[in-house]
Protein backbone atom coordinates (compact mmCIF):
# COMPACT_ATOMS: atom_id res chain seq x y z
CA UNK A 1 1.67 -22.41 -3.46
CA UNK A 2 -0.38 -19.82 -1.89
CA UNK A 3 1.05 -16.25 -1.03
CA UNK A 4 -1.57 -14.02 -0.48
CA UNK A 5 -3.82 -11.41 2.47
CA UNK A 6 -6.58 -14.52 3.12
CA UNK A 7 -6.96 -15.25 6.89
CA UNK A 8 -4.03 -17.57 8.36
CA UNK A 9 -4.90 -20.51 11.00
CA UNK A 10 -3.54 -20.69 13.94
CA UNK A 11 -2.14 -23.11 16.66
CA UNK A 12 -2.54 -23.43 20.61
CA UNK A 13 0.77 -25.09 20.05
CA UNK A 14 3.82 -24.87 19.30
CA UNK A 15 4.65 -26.17 15.52
CA UNK A 16 8.04 -27.83 15.11
CA UNK A 17 11.09 -26.06 14.60
CA UNK A 18 11.47 -25.12 11.26
CA UNK A 19 14.58 -23.89 8.84
CA UNK A 20 16.30 -22.38 6.78
CA UNK A 21 16.31 -24.73 3.92
CA UNK A 22 12.49 -24.64 4.74
CA UNK A 23 11.94 -21.60 3.56
CA UNK A 24 14.95 -21.64 0.91
CA UNK A 25 12.42 -24.25 -0.94
CA UNK A 26 9.32 -22.86 -0.45
CA UNK A 27 10.37 -19.46 -1.80
CA UNK A 28 12.62 -21.15 -4.39
CA UNK A 29 9.59 -23.49 -5.44
CA UNK A 30 7.09 -19.74 -5.29
CA UNK A 31 9.99 -17.62 -7.75
CA UNK A 32 10.39 -21.21 -9.96
CA UNK A 33 5.77 -21.08 -10.60
CA UNK A 34 5.64 -17.02 -11.16
CA UNK A 35 8.69 -17.74 -13.29
CA UNK A 36 6.82 -20.68 -15.66
CA UNK A 37 3.86 -18.36 -15.00
CA UNK A 38 5.11 -15.49 -17.77
CA UNK A 39 5.57 -13.35 -14.82
CA UNK A 40 8.04 -10.45 -14.54
CA UNK A 41 8.07 -10.02 -11.05
CA UNK A 42 6.47 -11.67 -7.43
CA UNK A 43 5.91 -9.67 -4.02
CA UNK A 44 6.23 -12.01 -1.00
CA UNK A 45 5.48 -11.23 2.53
CA UNK A 46 7.21 -12.70 4.73
CA UNK A 47 4.04 -13.22 7.11
CA UNK A 48 2.70 -15.48 4.01
CA UNK A 49 5.89 -16.96 2.87
CA UNK A 50 5.99 -18.40 6.85
CA UNK A 51 2.40 -19.98 6.85
CA UNK A 52 3.10 -21.35 3.13
CA UNK A 53 5.95 -23.63 5.02
CA UNK A 54 4.50 -23.96 8.80
CA UNK A 55 1.65 -22.23 11.09
CA UNK A 56 2.09 -18.81 12.02
CA UNK A 57 1.25 -17.12 13.77
CA UNK A 58 1.70 -19.52 16.84
CA UNK A 59 4.02 -20.12 19.96
CA UNK A 60 7.51 -20.76 18.37
CA UNK A 61 6.73 -19.49 14.92
CA UNK A 62 10.68 -19.03 12.98
CA UNK A 63 9.70 -15.48 11.65
CA UNK A 64 13.37 -14.06 12.35
CA UNK A 65 15.11 -17.40 9.59
CA UNK A 66 12.04 -16.07 7.49
CA UNK A 67 13.11 -13.16 6.52
CA UNK A 68 16.82 -14.28 6.33
CA UNK A 69 16.51 -16.43 4.16
CA UNK A 70 14.73 -13.84 2.11
CA UNK A 71 16.73 -11.10 2.49
CA UNK A 72 19.71 -13.72 1.37
CA UNK A 73 17.53 -15.10 -1.97
CA UNK A 74 17.64 -11.50 -3.02
CA UNK A 75 19.53 -10.82 -6.71
CA UNK A 76 20.56 -7.37 -8.05
CA UNK A 77 17.19 -5.36 -9.27
CA UNK A 78 14.79 -7.07 -6.21
CA UNK A 79 13.92 -4.99 -4.12
CA UNK A 80 12.67 -4.08 -0.87
CA UNK A 81 9.25 -2.33 -0.65
CA UNK A 82 8.02 -2.67 2.41
CA UNK A 83 11.21 -3.06 5.92
CA UNK A 84 9.72 -3.58 9.38
CA UNK A 85 10.82 -2.57 12.36
CA UNK A 86 14.20 -4.21 13.85
CA UNK A 87 14.29 -5.72 9.73
CA UNK A 88 12.25 -8.67 10.34
CA UNK A 89 8.87 -9.34 10.48
CA UNK A 90 5.96 -10.79 8.81
CA UNK A 91 5.18 -7.82 7.32
CA UNK A 92 8.54 -7.32 4.96
CA UNK A 93 7.92 -6.93 1.31
CA UNK A 94 9.88 -8.26 -0.81
CA UNK A 95 9.63 -7.95 -4.66
CA UNK A 96 11.36 -10.11 -6.52
CA UNK A 97 12.53 -9.73 -10.37
CA UNK A 98 11.50 -13.07 -12.50
CA UNK A 99 13.55 -14.97 -13.98
CA UNK A 100 15.95 -15.61 -11.46
């Protein structure tokens, strides 16, 4: 799973609606992989997580759901590094402490 700032694909058609479980699965997998690699923390940007799960930006995207999952998966010690206006958006950036 890639979570960097490289160019993201765009779609001209609305993708299938992504679910909360899709984002939970992807985020937990990323955190597990980074912990296995020995990292002490990982910074996750909402736009990158959404792209890992499904095309973003695109009509019918699921960014609010993606951000909700990112907030709900936070544990004590995790920190929000960047909060977008309104609290949910592609620039949301959370540092998750590892291991979980």
